[in-house]
Amino acid sequence: MQTLDHTVYLSLREGADVLEADRQGDKVLRLADGSMFKLFRRKRLLTSALWSPYAKRFADNCQILQGRGIECPQIRHVYRIPSIERDAVHYDPLPGSTLRQLLGSDDLGNLRAQLGEFMARLHQSGIYFRSAHLGNVVLTPENSLGLIDIADLRSYGRPLRKGLRLRNFKHMLRYRQDREWLLRDDQFLQHYLSHQQTCSELELRTALNI
């Protein structure tokens, strides 16, 4: 993690679009060259972010995903910015549109089936993405799926156990719009089930109350 001088930070920020902010300041910037600059603050005095900063987690998770063949942002640098008491990650965004952005499209093809297979692949690869929802899954121009906003992702050295898989699905269905689209037909569930052997259809439907 590099220390970023305030003057250099202001130079980077010049001409940037503020995509996310709160009362404490900027959260996500799109820089003039199209790259992204995501800022993290430590919300409490005693927190795991003290020894494992969220910016570094984000970058480490990108490296893990790339090592497992899963598309995600490309990291440029990880910074500590003492002048504004923030850590930051500078990265090239994953090109494409989030699935939530595509929900209004007339022709989504077999996207629910593709997402079911993608989730099975993540789980078989030992990836538990607690923030899994349609706003954090991207369909790329090459028609493949990838992940964004991955600071809270966890990785394991073996396929996920059943409990984590079911918990992950509950997270995915907590937004009404997402749930209605995912469960419009059986494609999502059936394609997930056909690409793994850990969860049965009954267990999955019972856990999801469907």
Protein backbone atom coordinates (compact mmCIF):
# COMPACT_ATOMS: atom_id res chain seq x y z
CA MET A 1 0.00 0.00 0.00
CA GLN A 2 1.50 3.32 -1.11
CA THR A 3 1.14 6.61 0.75
CA LEU A 4 -0.43 9.21 -1.53
CA ASP A 5 0.53 12.84 -1.04
CA HIS A 6 -2.41 15.23 -0.84
CA THR A 7 -1.18 17.28 -3.79
CA VAL A 8 -0.98 14.15 -5.95
CA TYR A 9 -4.44 13.08 -4.78
CA LEU A 10 -5.90 16.44 -5.79
CA SER A 11 -4.21 16.13 -9.17
CA LEU A 12 -5.75 12.67 -9.68
CA ARG A 13 -9.14 13.94 -8.59
CA GLU A 14 -9.13 16.94 -10.93
CA GLY A 15 -11.92 16.59 -13.50
CA ALA A 16 -13.31 13.44 -11.84
CA ASP A 17 -17.02 12.58 -11.75
CA VAL A 18 -18.33 11.84 -8.25
CA LEU A 19 -20.37 8.65 -8.58
CA GLU A 20 -20.93 8.07 -4.86
CA ALA A 21 -20.56 10.30 -1.81
CA ASP A 22 -21.95 10.74 1.69
CA ARG A 23 -21.75 13.35 4.43
CA GLN A 24 -18.15 12.35 5.15
CA GLY A 25 -17.01 12.92 1.57
CA ASP A 26 -16.36 11.15 -1.72
CA LYS A 27 -16.74 7.38 -1.95
CA VAL A 28 -16.38 6.52 -5.66
CA LEU A 29 -14.84 8.70 -8.36
CA ARG A 30 -14.56 8.18 -12.09
CA LEU A 31 -11.25 9.82 -13.01
CA ALA A 32 -10.64 11.78 -16.19
CA ASP A 33 -9.05 8.77 -17.92
CA GLY A 34 -12.10 6.56 -17.23
CA SER A 35 -10.50 4.61 -14.38
CA MET A 36 -12.15 4.32 -10.96
CA PHE A 37 -10.99 5.55 -7.57
CA LYS A 38 -12.80 3.99 -4.61
CA LEU A 39 -12.24 5.48 -1.16
CA PHE A 40 -12.71 3.72 2.16
CA ARG A 41 -12.84 5.19 5.66
CA ARG A 42 -12.49 3.39 8.99
CA LYS A 43 -15.93 3.74 10.58
CA ARG A 44 -15.00 2.67 14.12
CA LEU A 45 -11.89 3.02 16.26
CA LEU A 46 -11.58 -0.75 16.72
CA THR A 47 -12.30 -2.59 13.50
CA SER A 48 -10.71 -5.28 11.34
CA ALA A 49 -10.07 -2.51 8.77
CA LEU A 50 -7.27 -1.32 11.05
CA TRP A 51 -5.06 -4.30 10.17
CA SER A 52 -6.81 -5.38 6.98
CA PRO A 53 -7.86 -2.22 5.12
CA TYR A 54 -10.87 -2.55 2.83
CA ALA A 55 -8.90 -1.12 -0.09
CA LYS A 56 -6.33 -3.91 0.26
CA ARG A 57 -9.10 -6.52 0.64
CA PHE A 58 -10.63 -5.25 -2.59
CA ALA A 59 -7.31 -5.55 -4.42
CA ASP A 60 -6.50 -8.96 -2.90
CA ASN A 61 -9.95 -10.27 -3.85
CA CYS A 62 -9.43 -9.14 -7.44
CA GLN A 63 -6.19 -11.10 -7.53
CA ILE A 64 -7.92 -14.18 -6.11
CA LEU A 65 -10.77 -14.00 -8.61
CA GLN A 66 -8.41 -13.55 -11.54
CA GLY A 67 -6.42 -16.58 -10.35
CA ARG A 68 -9.63 -18.62 -10.47
CA GLY A 69 -10.61 -17.39 -13.92
CA ILE A 70 -13.42 -15.06 -12.79
CA GLU A 71 -13.65 -11.63 -14.39
CA CYS A 72 -13.41 -8.56 -12.16
CA PRO A 73 -11.81 -5.07 -12.12
CA GLN A 74 -8.10 -4.66 -12.89
CA ILE A 75 -6.17 -3.08 -10.03
CA ARG A 76 -3.69 -0.27 -10.67
CA HIS A 77 -2.68 0.84 -7.15
CA VAL A 78 -3.73 0.70 -3.51
CA TYR A 79 -3.19 3.90 -1.53
CA ARG A 80 -3.27 5.31 1.98
CA ILE A 81 -4.14 9.03 1.97
CA PRO A 82 -3.29 10.43 5.42
CA SER A 83 -4.44 13.98 4.60
CA ILE A 84 -8.10 12.87 4.29
CA GLU A 85 -7.84 9.77 6.53
CA ARG A 86 -8.82 7.42 3.73
CA ASP A 87 -7.53 4.33 2.00
CA ALA A 88 -8.21 4.00 -1.71
CA VAL A 89 -8.02 1.54 -4.55
CA HIS A 90 -7.41 2.76 -8.12
CA TYR A 91 -8.64 0.34 -10.77
CA ASP A 92 -9.91 -0.13 -14.31
CA PRO A 93 -13.60 -1.05 -14.18
CA LEU A 94 -14.96 -4.28 -15.57
CA PRO A 95 -16.62 -3.26 -18.86
CA GLY A 96 -20.28 -4.02 -19.40
CA SER A 97 -23.61 -3.51 -17.67
CA THR A 98 -24.84 -4.83 -14.34
CA LEU A 99 -27.69 -7.31 -14.52
CA ARG A 100 -29.88 -4.85 -12.65
CA GLN A 101 -29.27 -2.28 -15.38
CA LEU A 102 -30.40 -4.85 -17.94
CA LEU A 103 -33.67 -5.79 -16.26
CA GLY A 104 -35.65 -3.41 -18.45
CA SER A 105 -34.25 -4.90 -21.68
CA ASP A 106 -36.65 -6.71 -23.97
CA ASP A 107 -34.30 -9.54 -24.87
CA LEU A 108 -32.25 -11.04 -22.03
CA GLY A 109 -31.87 -14.39 -23.78
CA ASN A 110 -30.80 -17.15 -21.42
CA LEU A 111 -29.32 -14.76 -18.85
CA ARG A 112 -31.04 -16.41 -15.87
CA ALA A 113 -29.62 -19.76 -16.92
CA GLN A 114 -26.17 -18.19 -17.43
CA LEU A 115 -26.32 -16.64 -13.96
CA GLY A 116 -27.27 -19.98 -12.38
CA GLU A 117 -24.23 -21.62 -13.95
CA PHE A 118 -22.05 -18.67 -12.91
CA MET A 119 -23.14 -18.92 -9.27
CA ALA A 120 -22.45 -22.66 -9.30
CA ARG A 121 -18.99 -21.93 -10.69
CA LEU A 122 -18.32 -19.38 -7.95
CA HIS A 123 -19.42 -21.80 -5.23
CA GLN A 124 -17.47 -24.70 -6.71
CA SER A 125 -14.42 -22.39 -6.82
CA GLY A 126 -14.78 -21.62 -3.11
CA ILE A 127 -16.05 -18.05 -3.57
CA TYR A 128 -18.58 -16.67 -1.09
CA PHE A 129 -19.78 -13.25 -2.20
CA ARG A 130 -21.87 -11.87 0.63
CA SER A 131 -22.92 -8.84 -1.44
CA ALA A 132 -24.18 -10.99 -4.31
CA HIS A 133 -27.06 -9.19 -6.02
CA LEU A 134 -27.89 -8.14 -9.56
CA GLY A 135 -26.19 -4.77 -9.08
CA ASN A 136 -22.82 -6.43 -8.47
CA VAL A 137 -22.81 -8.92 -11.37
CA VAL A 138 -21.75 -7.55 -14.77
CA LEU A 139 -22.48 -8.87 -18.25
CA THR A 140 -19.39 -8.01 -20.32
CA PRO A 141 -19.31 -7.16 -24.04
CA GLU A 142 -18.00 -10.72 -24.59
CA ASN A 143 -21.24 -12.06 -23.02
CA SER A 144 -19.52 -13.42 -19.92
CA LEU A 145 -20.33 -12.64 -16.30
CA GLY A 146 -18.04 -11.03 -13.74
CA LEU A 147 -18.10 -9.40 -10.30
CA ILE A 148 -17.66 -5.87 -8.99
CA ASP A 149 -17.70 -4.22 -5.54
CA ILE A 150 -15.94 -7.19 -3.97
CA ALA A 151 -14.35 -5.85 -0.76
CA ASP A 152 -16.40 -8.25 1.41
CA LEU A 153 -15.87 -11.35 -0.73
CA ARG A 154 -14.43 -14.43 0.99
CA SER A 155 -12.50 -17.24 -0.66
CA TYR A 156 -11.89 -20.81 0.44
CA GLY A 157 -9.57 -23.51 -0.79
CA ARG A 158 -12.42 -25.93 -1.51
CA PRO A 159 -16.03 -25.77 -2.79
CA LEU A 160 -18.41 -23.99 -0.45
CA ARG A 161 -20.26 -26.07 2.09
CA LYS A 162 -24.03 -26.28 1.87
CA GLY A 163 -24.77 -23.72 4.60
CA LEU A 164 -22.76 -20.97 2.89
CA ARG A 165 -24.38 -21.70 -0.47
CA LEU A 166 -27.89 -21.41 0.95
CA ARG A 167 -26.97 -18.23 2.85
CA ASN A 168 -25.58 -16.74 -0.35
CA PHE A 169 -28.84 -17.39 -2.18
CA LYS A 170 -30.82 -15.71 0.61
CA HIS A 171 -28.66 -12.62 0.14
CA MET A 172 -29.31 -12.68 -3.61
CA LEU A 173 -33.08 -12.75 -3.12
CA ARG A 174 -33.41 -10.04 -0.48
CA TYR A 175 -34.24 -7.34 -3.06
CA ARG A 176 -37.79 -7.66 -4.40
CA GLN A 177 -36.88 -6.63 -7.96
CA ASP A 178 -34.03 -9.16 -8.07
CA ARG A 179 -36.19 -11.92 -6.59
CA GLU A 180 -39.01 -11.41 -9.07
CA TRP A 181 -36.63 -11.58 -12.02
CA LEU A 182 -34.56 -14.52 -10.76
CA LEU A 183 -37.60 -16.65 -9.93
CA ARG A 184 -39.72 -15.73 -12.95
CA ASP A 185 -39.08 -19.26 -14.21
CA ASP A 186 -36.92 -22.24 -13.17
CA GLN A 187 -33.90 -21.46 -15.36
CA PHE A 188 -31.77 -19.87 -12.63
CA LEU A 189 -32.29 -22.64 -10.06
CA GLN A 190 -32.16 -25.55 -12.49
CA HIS A 191 -28.94 -24.42 -14.13
CA TYR A 192 -27.36 -23.86 -10.72
CA LEU A 193 -28.42 -27.32 -9.56
CA SER A 194 -27.18 -29.01 -12.74
CA HIS A 195 -23.64 -27.62 -12.25
CA GLN A 196 -23.06 -28.70 -8.63
CA GLN A 197 -23.72 -31.69 -6.38
CA THR A 198 -23.86 -30.10 -2.91
CA CYS A 199 -27.43 -28.78 -2.66
CA SER A 200 -30.59 -30.63 -3.64
CA GLU A 201 -33.52 -28.86 -5.26
CA LEU A 202 -35.67 -29.46 -2.17
CA GLU A 203 -33.04 -27.98 0.15
CA LEU A 204 -32.63 -24.95 -2.06
CA ARG A 205 -36.36 -24.30 -2.46
CA THR A 206 -36.98 -24.81 1.26
CA ALA A 207 -34.19 -22.40 2.23
CA LEU A 208 -35.47 -19.78 -0.18
CA ASN A 209 -39.13 -20.27 0.76
CA ILE A 210 -40.24 -20.92 -2.81
